[in-house]
Amino acid sequence: MNRYRALGAVAATAAIGAGAFLVPAVASSNSVSHTLKFTAITQKSANFSRTSFGQDEIDRNKAGKIIGFDVINGTFDPSTNTAKGRVALSTKGGILYGKLKFSNGPITHGRVTGGTGKFSGVTGTIYGKSLNKRGTRTAVTITYHH
């Protein structure tokens, strides 16, 4: 479970604060970029099978205030020691969706695939960096644009 938890927590992503640097995705000249930075803190993790996992997290800003919640659902490939998954971040104004690629390291990359409300039609990038060995705290930076 620790491997899945570490892989999942590095996500949201999602992994998405603490001095993380992200190069934003290339956008059109009419596009406006926005950046979300927070620490994702794992609340619960579950293995649904040998290769499938899920996780839910509370997302807090730099001041420690809860800014949202995210859920990750992923699959693990034991032959390559990698995982991939989908993330849904629920925060003020809507839900942001993304896809994540995990490795057996502290960094996770992903892409924003859309959302609801103010996130409808957005694209962008997701960067996560694990803040502890257990993988239960992740600095996450999401850069998105319309």
N, C-alpha and C. Protein backbone atom coordinates (compact mmCIF):
# COMPACT_ATOMS: atom_id res chain seq x y z
N MET A 1 0.82 -1.19 0.00
CA MET A 1 0.00 0.00 0.00
C MET A 1 0.86 1.25 0.00
N ASN A 2 2.01 1.25 0.68
CA ASN A 2 2.83 2.46 0.73
C ASN A 2 3.27 2.92 -0.64
N ARG A 3 3.61 1.98 -1.53
CA ARG A 3 4.02 2.36 -2.89
C ARG A 3 2.87 3.07 -3.59
N TYR A 4 1.65 2.51 -3.50
CA TYR A 4 0.50 3.14 -4.14
C TYR A 4 0.20 4.48 -3.50
N ARG A 5 0.28 4.54 -2.16
CA ARG A 5 0.01 5.79 -1.47
C ARG A 5 1.01 6.84 -1.89
N ALA A 6 2.29 6.49 -1.95
CA ALA A 6 3.31 7.45 -2.36
C ALA A 6 3.08 7.88 -3.80
N LEU A 7 2.77 6.94 -4.66
CA LEU A 7 2.51 7.29 -6.06
C LEU A 7 1.28 8.18 -6.16
N GLY A 8 0.23 7.83 -5.45
CA GLY A 8 -0.99 8.62 -5.51
C GLY A 8 -0.84 10.00 -4.90
N ALA A 9 -0.17 10.08 -3.77
CA ALA A 9 -0.02 11.36 -3.08
C ALA A 9 0.83 12.32 -3.86
N VAL A 10 1.81 11.80 -4.56
CA VAL A 10 2.67 12.67 -5.35
C VAL A 10 1.83 13.32 -6.45
N ALA A 11 0.73 12.83 -6.70
CA ALA A 11 -0.15 13.35 -7.71
C ALA A 11 -0.59 14.73 -7.37
N ALA A 12 -1.52 14.90 -7.39
CA ALA A 12 -2.33 16.10 -7.39
C ALA A 12 -1.68 17.17 -6.92
N THR A 13 -1.43 15.45 -7.25
CA THR A 13 -1.17 15.78 -7.59
C THR A 13 -1.15 15.91 -7.31
N ALA A 14 -1.82 16.43 -6.48
CA ALA A 14 -1.94 16.31 -6.94
C ALA A 14 -1.66 16.60 -6.14
N ALA A 15 -0.31 17.09 -6.52
CA ALA A 15 0.12 17.03 -6.15
C ALA A 15 0.29 18.44 -6.02
N ILE A 16 -0.30 19.87 -5.37
CA ILE A 16 0.07 20.95 -6.20
C ILE A 16 0.24 22.14 -5.32
N GLY A 17 2.27 24.72 -3.43
CA GLY A 17 3.23 24.98 -2.99
C GLY A 17 4.54 25.20 -2.55
N ALA A 18 5.04 24.62 -1.93
CA ALA A 18 6.28 24.74 -1.20
C ALA A 18 7.45 24.98 -2.14
N GLY A 19 7.44 26.13 -2.80
CA GLY A 19 8.57 26.49 -3.64
C GLY A 19 8.65 25.73 -4.95
N ALA A 20 7.59 25.05 -5.36
CA ALA A 20 7.64 24.32 -6.62
C ALA A 20 7.62 25.29 -7.79
N PHE A 21 8.35 24.96 -8.85
CA PHE A 21 8.44 25.79 -10.03
C PHE A 21 7.84 25.03 -11.19
N LEU A 22 7.05 25.70 -11.98
CA LEU A 22 6.40 25.04 -13.10
C LEU A 22 6.44 25.95 -14.31
N VAL A 23 6.83 25.41 -15.45
CA VAL A 23 6.77 26.15 -16.70
C VAL A 23 5.37 25.95 -17.25
N PRO A 24 4.61 27.03 -17.43
CA PRO A 24 3.23 26.88 -17.90
C PRO A 24 3.17 26.32 -19.32
N ALA A 25 2.06 25.69 -19.60
CA ALA A 25 1.84 25.15 -20.94
C ALA A 25 1.74 26.31 -21.93
N VAL A 26 2.11 26.05 -23.17
CA VAL A 26 2.04 27.07 -24.21
C VAL A 26 0.57 27.40 -24.43
N ALA A 27 0.26 28.68 -24.45
CA ALA A 27 -1.11 29.12 -24.61
C ALA A 27 -1.20 30.14 -25.73
N SER A 28 -2.41 30.31 -26.24
CA SER A 28 -2.60 31.31 -27.28
C SER A 28 -2.49 32.69 -26.68
N SER A 29 -2.33 33.70 -27.53
CA SER A 29 -2.17 35.07 -27.04
C SER A 29 -3.44 35.58 -26.37
N ASN A 30 -4.59 34.96 -26.65
CA ASN A 30 -5.85 35.37 -26.04
C ASN A 30 -6.10 34.66 -24.72
N SER A 31 -5.27 33.74 -24.35
CA SER A 31 -5.44 32.93 -23.17
C SER A 31 -4.94 33.65 -21.92
N VAL A 32 -5.64 33.44 -20.82
CA VAL A 32 -5.22 33.99 -19.53
C VAL A 32 -4.83 32.81 -18.65
N SER A 33 -3.60 32.83 -18.12
CA SER A 33 -3.13 31.74 -17.26
C SER A 33 -3.43 32.04 -15.80
N HIS A 34 -3.73 30.97 -15.07
CA HIS A 34 -3.98 31.04 -13.64
C HIS A 34 -3.15 29.93 -12.98
N THR A 35 -2.72 30.16 -11.76
CA THR A 35 -1.94 29.16 -11.04
C THR A 35 -2.56 28.89 -9.68
N LEU A 36 -2.73 27.62 -9.37
CA LEU A 36 -3.17 27.17 -8.05
C LEU A 36 -1.99 26.49 -7.38
N LYS A 37 -1.67 26.89 -6.14
CA LYS A 37 -0.62 26.23 -5.37
C LYS A 37 -1.21 25.82 -4.04
N PHE A 38 -0.98 24.56 -3.67
CA PHE A 38 -1.50 24.07 -2.40
C PHE A 38 -0.76 22.83 -1.97
N THR A 39 -1.03 22.39 -0.76
CA THR A 39 -0.51 21.12 -0.25
C THR A 39 -1.67 20.15 -0.15
N ALA A 40 -1.53 19.02 -0.83
CA ALA A 40 -2.53 17.96 -0.78
C ALA A 40 -2.14 17.00 0.34
N ILE A 41 -3.08 16.76 1.26
CA ILE A 41 -2.83 15.91 2.42
C ILE A 41 -3.74 14.69 2.34
N THR A 42 -3.14 13.52 2.21
CA THR A 42 -3.90 12.28 2.06
C THR A 42 -4.75 12.01 3.29
N GLN A 43 -6.03 11.71 3.05
CA GLN A 43 -6.94 11.34 4.13
C GLN A 43 -7.16 9.83 4.15
N LYS A 44 -7.45 9.27 2.99
CA LYS A 44 -7.70 7.82 2.88
C LYS A 44 -7.14 7.31 1.56
N SER A 45 -6.61 6.10 1.59
CA SER A 45 -6.14 5.41 0.40
C SER A 45 -6.70 4.00 0.42
N ALA A 46 -6.94 3.45 -0.77
CA ALA A 46 -7.44 2.09 -0.85
C ALA A 46 -6.89 1.41 -2.09
N ASN A 47 -6.56 0.13 -1.93
CA ASN A 47 -6.22 -0.72 -3.07
C ASN A 47 -7.47 -1.49 -3.45
N PHE A 48 -7.93 -1.31 -4.68
CA PHE A 48 -9.12 -2.02 -5.13
C PHE A 48 -8.74 -3.38 -5.71
N SER A 49 -7.51 -3.50 -6.17
CA SER A 49 -6.97 -4.76 -6.67
C SER A 49 -5.45 -4.65 -6.60
N ARG A 50 -4.75 -5.61 -7.13
CA ARG A 50 -3.29 -5.57 -7.15
C ARG A 50 -2.77 -4.40 -7.98
N THR A 51 -3.56 -3.93 -8.93
CA THR A 51 -3.10 -2.88 -9.84
C THR A 51 -3.99 -1.65 -9.86
N SER A 52 -4.94 -1.53 -8.96
CA SER A 52 -5.87 -0.40 -8.96
C SER A 52 -5.95 0.23 -7.58
N PHE A 53 -5.93 1.56 -7.53
CA PHE A 53 -5.97 2.25 -6.24
C PHE A 53 -6.81 3.52 -6.33
N GLY A 54 -7.18 4.03 -5.18
CA GLY A 54 -7.90 5.28 -5.08
C GLY A 54 -7.44 6.03 -3.84
N GLN A 55 -7.64 7.33 -3.85
CA GLN A 55 -7.17 8.16 -2.74
C GLN A 55 -7.96 9.45 -2.68
N ASP A 56 -8.22 9.93 -1.46
CA ASP A 56 -8.84 11.25 -1.33
C ASP A 56 -7.95 12.12 -0.46
N GLU A 57 -7.95 13.42 -0.76
CA GLU A 57 -7.05 14.36 -0.10
C GLU A 57 -7.76 15.67 0.23
N ILE A 58 -7.31 16.30 1.30
CA ILE A 58 -7.71 17.67 1.64
C ILE A 58 -6.62 18.58 1.09
N ASP A 59 -7.02 19.67 0.47
CA ASP A 59 -6.07 20.60 -0.13
C ASP A 59 -6.06 21.91 0.65
N ARG A 60 -4.86 22.28 1.13
CA ARG A 60 -4.72 23.48 1.96
C ARG A 60 -3.76 24.47 1.30
N ASN A 61 -4.09 25.77 1.42
CA ASN A 61 -3.19 26.80 0.89
C ASN A 61 -2.03 27.05 1.85
N LYS A 62 -1.19 27.98 1.50
CA LYS A 62 0.02 28.29 2.30
C LYS A 62 -0.31 28.66 3.75
N ALA A 63 -1.47 29.31 3.93
CA ALA A 63 -1.90 29.72 5.27
C ALA A 63 -2.55 28.58 6.06
N GLY A 64 -2.72 27.42 5.43
CA GLY A 64 -3.32 26.28 6.11
C GLY A 64 -4.82 26.18 5.94
N LYS A 65 -5.43 27.10 5.20
CA LYS A 65 -6.87 27.10 4.98
C LYS A 65 -7.24 26.05 3.93
N ILE A 66 -8.31 25.31 4.20
CA ILE A 66 -8.80 24.33 3.22
C ILE A 66 -9.34 25.08 2.01
N ILE A 67 -8.81 24.74 0.83
CA ILE A 67 -9.26 25.38 -0.41
C ILE A 67 -9.99 24.40 -1.31
N GLY A 68 -9.99 23.12 -0.94
CA GLY A 68 -10.69 22.14 -1.75
C GLY A 68 -10.37 20.72 -1.34
N PHE A 69 -10.86 19.81 -2.14
CA PHE A 69 -10.66 18.39 -1.93
C PHE A 69 -10.39 17.75 -3.28
N ASP A 70 -9.55 16.73 -3.32
CA ASP A 70 -9.35 16.03 -4.58
C ASP A 70 -9.41 14.53 -4.38
N VAL A 71 -9.75 13.85 -5.46
CA VAL A 71 -9.86 12.40 -5.49
C VAL A 71 -9.02 11.91 -6.66
N ILE A 72 -8.22 10.87 -6.41
CA ILE A 72 -7.39 10.26 -7.44
C ILE A 72 -7.82 8.80 -7.59
N ASN A 73 -7.95 8.38 -8.83
CA ASN A 73 -8.24 6.98 -9.14
C ASN A 73 -7.21 6.54 -10.16
N GLY A 74 -6.44 5.49 -9.85
CA GLY A 74 -5.35 5.13 -10.74
C GLY A 74 -5.11 3.64 -10.86
N THR A 75 -4.19 3.33 -11.78
CA THR A 75 -3.76 1.96 -12.00
C THR A 75 -2.25 1.90 -11.93
N PHE A 76 -1.74 0.77 -11.46
CA PHE A 76 -0.32 0.55 -11.28
C PHE A 76 0.14 -0.57 -12.21
N ASP A 77 1.26 -0.36 -12.90
CA ASP A 77 1.84 -1.39 -13.78
C ASP A 77 3.09 -1.93 -13.11
N PRO A 78 3.02 -3.12 -12.51
CA PRO A 78 4.17 -3.67 -11.79
C PRO A 78 5.36 -3.97 -12.70
N SER A 79 5.13 -4.17 -13.99
CA SER A 79 6.25 -4.48 -14.89
C SER A 79 7.13 -3.26 -15.14
N THR A 80 6.57 -2.06 -15.03
CA THR A 80 7.36 -0.82 -15.23
C THR A 80 7.50 0.00 -13.96
N ASN A 81 6.81 -0.43 -12.89
CA ASN A 81 6.84 0.29 -11.61
C ASN A 81 6.35 1.73 -11.77
N THR A 82 5.34 1.92 -12.61
CA THR A 82 4.75 3.23 -12.83
C THR A 82 3.24 3.14 -12.64
N ALA A 83 2.64 4.29 -12.50
CA ALA A 83 1.19 4.35 -12.35
C ALA A 83 0.66 5.55 -13.12
N LYS A 84 -0.61 5.48 -13.45
CA LYS A 84 -1.27 6.62 -14.08
C LYS A 84 -2.65 6.72 -13.46
N GLY A 85 -3.23 7.91 -13.55
CA GLY A 85 -4.52 8.06 -12.94
C GLY A 85 -5.22 9.33 -13.38
N ARG A 86 -6.41 9.48 -12.87
CA ARG A 86 -7.21 10.67 -13.11
C ARG A 86 -7.44 11.34 -11.76
N VAL A 87 -7.53 12.66 -11.80
CA VAL A 87 -7.76 13.43 -10.59
C VAL A 87 -8.92 14.38 -10.83
N ALA A 88 -9.71 14.60 -9.80
CA ALA A 88 -10.78 15.60 -9.81
C ALA A 88 -10.58 16.47 -8.57
N LEU A 89 -10.36 17.76 -8.78
CA LEU A 89 -10.16 18.72 -7.70
C LEU A 89 -11.41 19.57 -7.59
N SER A 90 -12.08 19.48 -6.45
CA SER A 90 -13.27 20.27 -6.20
C SER A 90 -12.88 21.47 -5.34
N THR A 91 -13.10 22.66 -5.87
CA THR A 91 -12.73 23.88 -5.16
C THR A 91 -13.74 24.98 -5.51
N LYS A 92 -13.60 26.14 -4.91
CA LYS A 92 -14.53 27.24 -5.16
C LYS A 92 -14.61 27.53 -6.66
N GLY A 93 -15.80 27.49 -7.18
CA GLY A 93 -16.00 27.82 -8.58
C GLY A 93 -16.14 26.65 -9.51
N GLY A 94 -15.89 25.43 -9.04
CA GLY A 94 -16.07 24.28 -9.92
C GLY A 94 -15.16 23.12 -9.60
N ILE A 95 -15.11 22.19 -10.55
CA ILE A 95 -14.28 20.99 -10.43
C ILE A 95 -13.29 21.00 -11.59
N LEU A 96 -12.02 20.78 -11.29
CA LEU A 96 -10.97 20.73 -12.30
C LEU A 96 -10.56 19.27 -12.47
N TYR A 97 -10.46 18.83 -13.73
CA TYR A 97 -10.10 17.45 -14.03
C TYR A 97 -8.69 17.37 -14.60
N GLY A 98 -8.02 16.24 -14.36
CA GLY A 98 -6.69 16.06 -14.92
C GLY A 98 -6.30 14.60 -15.02
N LYS A 99 -5.23 14.37 -15.77
CA LYS A 99 -4.62 13.05 -15.89
C LYS A 99 -3.21 13.14 -15.32
N LEU A 100 -2.79 12.10 -14.61
CA LEU A 100 -1.50 12.09 -13.93
C LEU A 100 -0.66 10.89 -14.35
N LYS A 101 0.66 11.09 -14.34
CA LYS A 101 1.62 10.01 -14.55
C LYS A 101 2.54 10.01 -13.34
N PHE A 102 2.62 8.87 -12.67
CA PHE A 102 3.45 8.72 -11.48
C PHE A 102 4.65 7.87 -11.81
N SER A 103 5.74 8.10 -11.11
CA SER A 103 6.90 7.23 -11.20
C SER A 103 7.29 6.84 -9.79
N ASN A 104 8.35 6.10 -9.64
CA ASN A 104 8.77 5.67 -8.31
C ASN A 104 9.67 6.74 -7.68
N GLY A 105 9.38 7.99 -7.92
CA GLY A 105 10.15 9.10 -7.37
C GLY A 105 9.23 10.12 -6.75
N PRO A 106 9.78 11.22 -6.27
CA PRO A 106 8.97 12.21 -5.56
C PRO A 106 8.21 13.18 -6.47
N ILE A 107 8.40 13.12 -7.79
CA ILE A 107 7.79 14.09 -8.70
C ILE A 107 6.69 13.43 -9.53
N THR A 108 5.59 14.15 -9.70
CA THR A 108 4.49 13.71 -10.54
C THR A 108 4.17 14.80 -11.54
N HIS A 109 3.88 14.40 -12.76
CA HIS A 109 3.48 15.34 -13.80
C HIS A 109 2.11 14.94 -14.32
N GLY A 110 1.38 15.92 -14.79
CA GLY A 110 0.07 15.63 -15.36
C GLY A 110 -0.40 16.77 -16.22
N ARG A 111 -1.60 16.60 -16.74
CA ARG A 111 -2.17 17.66 -17.55
C ARG A 111 -3.62 17.89 -17.15
N VAL A 112 -4.01 19.13 -17.22
CA VAL A 112 -5.39 19.53 -16.95
C VAL A 112 -6.19 19.20 -18.20
N THR A 113 -7.34 18.53 -18.01
CA THR A 113 -8.14 18.12 -19.16
C THR A 113 -9.49 18.81 -19.25
N GLY A 114 -9.83 19.66 -18.29
CA GLY A 114 -11.11 20.36 -18.34
C GLY A 114 -11.71 20.50 -16.96
N GLY A 115 -13.00 20.73 -16.95
CA GLY A 115 -13.67 20.87 -15.67
C GLY A 115 -15.07 21.41 -15.81
N THR A 116 -15.62 21.82 -14.67
CA THR A 116 -16.95 22.41 -14.62
C THR A 116 -16.84 23.82 -14.05
N GLY A 117 -17.90 24.61 -14.19
CA GLY A 117 -17.90 25.97 -13.66
C GLY A 117 -16.80 26.80 -14.27
N LYS A 118 -16.02 27.49 -13.44
CA LYS A 118 -14.96 28.35 -13.96
C LYS A 118 -13.83 27.56 -14.63
N PHE A 119 -13.83 26.24 -14.46
CA PHE A 119 -12.81 25.39 -15.08
C PHE A 119 -13.28 24.76 -16.40
N SER A 120 -14.47 25.10 -16.83
CA SER A 120 -15.00 24.55 -18.07
C SER A 120 -14.12 24.97 -19.25
N GLY A 121 -13.64 24.00 -20.00
CA GLY A 121 -12.83 24.27 -21.18
C GLY A 121 -11.37 24.61 -20.93
N VAL A 122 -10.88 24.48 -19.70
CA VAL A 122 -9.49 24.82 -19.42
C VAL A 122 -8.55 23.69 -19.79
N THR A 123 -7.29 24.03 -20.03
CA THR A 123 -6.20 23.08 -20.24
C THR A 123 -5.02 23.58 -19.43
N GLY A 124 -4.02 22.76 -19.26
CA GLY A 124 -2.84 23.20 -18.53
C GLY A 124 -2.00 22.05 -18.03
N THR A 125 -1.22 22.33 -16.99
CA THR A 125 -0.27 21.36 -16.45
C THR A 125 -0.45 21.18 -14.96
N ILE A 126 -0.03 20.01 -14.48
CA ILE A 126 -0.06 19.67 -13.06
C ILE A 126 1.34 19.20 -12.68
N TYR A 127 1.84 19.71 -11.57
CA TYR A 127 3.16 19.31 -11.06
C TYR A 127 3.01 19.04 -9.57
N GLY A 128 3.49 17.90 -9.12
CA GLY A 128 3.44 17.56 -7.72
C GLY A 128 4.78 17.08 -7.22
N LYS A 129 5.10 17.44 -5.98
CA LYS A 129 6.34 16.99 -5.36
C LYS A 129 6.03 16.51 -3.94
N SER A 130 6.38 15.25 -3.67
CA SER A 130 6.14 14.68 -2.36
C SER A 130 6.95 15.43 -1.31
N LEU A 131 6.31 15.72 -0.18
CA LEU A 131 6.97 16.45 0.90
C LEU A 131 7.43 15.55 2.04
N ASN A 132 7.06 14.27 1.99
CA ASN A 132 7.51 13.35 3.03
C ASN A 132 7.71 11.95 2.46
N LYS A 133 8.40 11.10 3.19
CA LYS A 133 8.74 9.76 2.69
C LYS A 133 7.52 8.87 2.53
N ARG A 134 6.51 9.08 3.35
CA ARG A 134 5.31 8.26 3.26
C ARG A 134 4.44 8.67 2.07
N GLY A 135 4.71 9.84 1.49
CA GLY A 135 3.93 10.30 0.35
C GLY A 135 2.54 10.79 0.70
N THR A 136 2.34 11.23 1.94
CA THR A 136 1.02 11.66 2.37
C THR A 136 0.83 13.18 2.31
N ARG A 137 1.89 13.92 2.00
CA ARG A 137 1.82 15.38 1.85
C ARG A 137 2.53 15.73 0.54
N THR A 138 1.81 16.44 -0.32
CA THR A 138 2.34 16.75 -1.64
C THR A 138 2.15 18.22 -1.96
N ALA A 139 3.23 18.89 -2.36
CA ALA A 139 3.15 20.27 -2.85
C ALA A 139 2.67 20.19 -4.30
N VAL A 140 1.59 20.89 -4.61
CA VAL A 140 0.98 20.81 -5.93
C VAL A 140 0.92 22.20 -6.56
N THR A 141 1.26 22.27 -7.84
CA THR A 141 1.09 23.49 -8.62
C THR A 141 0.33 23.13 -9.88
N ILE A 142 -0.80 23.80 -10.08
CA ILE A 142 -1.59 23.61 -11.30
C ILE A 142 -1.61 24.93 -12.03
N THR A 143 -1.19 24.93 -13.28
CA THR A 143 -1.28 26.11 -14.12
C THR A 143 -2.29 25.78 -15.23
N TYR A 144 -3.34 26.61 -15.34
CA TYR A 144 -4.36 26.35 -16.34
C TYR A 144 -4.71 27.64 -17.06
N HIS A 145 -5.28 27.48 -18.24
CA HIS A 145 -5.72 28.63 -19.03
C HIS A 145 -6.95 28.23 -19.85
N HIS A 146 -7.69 29.25 -20.24
CA HIS A 146 -8.91 29.05 -21.05
C HIS A 146 -8.57 29.12 -22.50
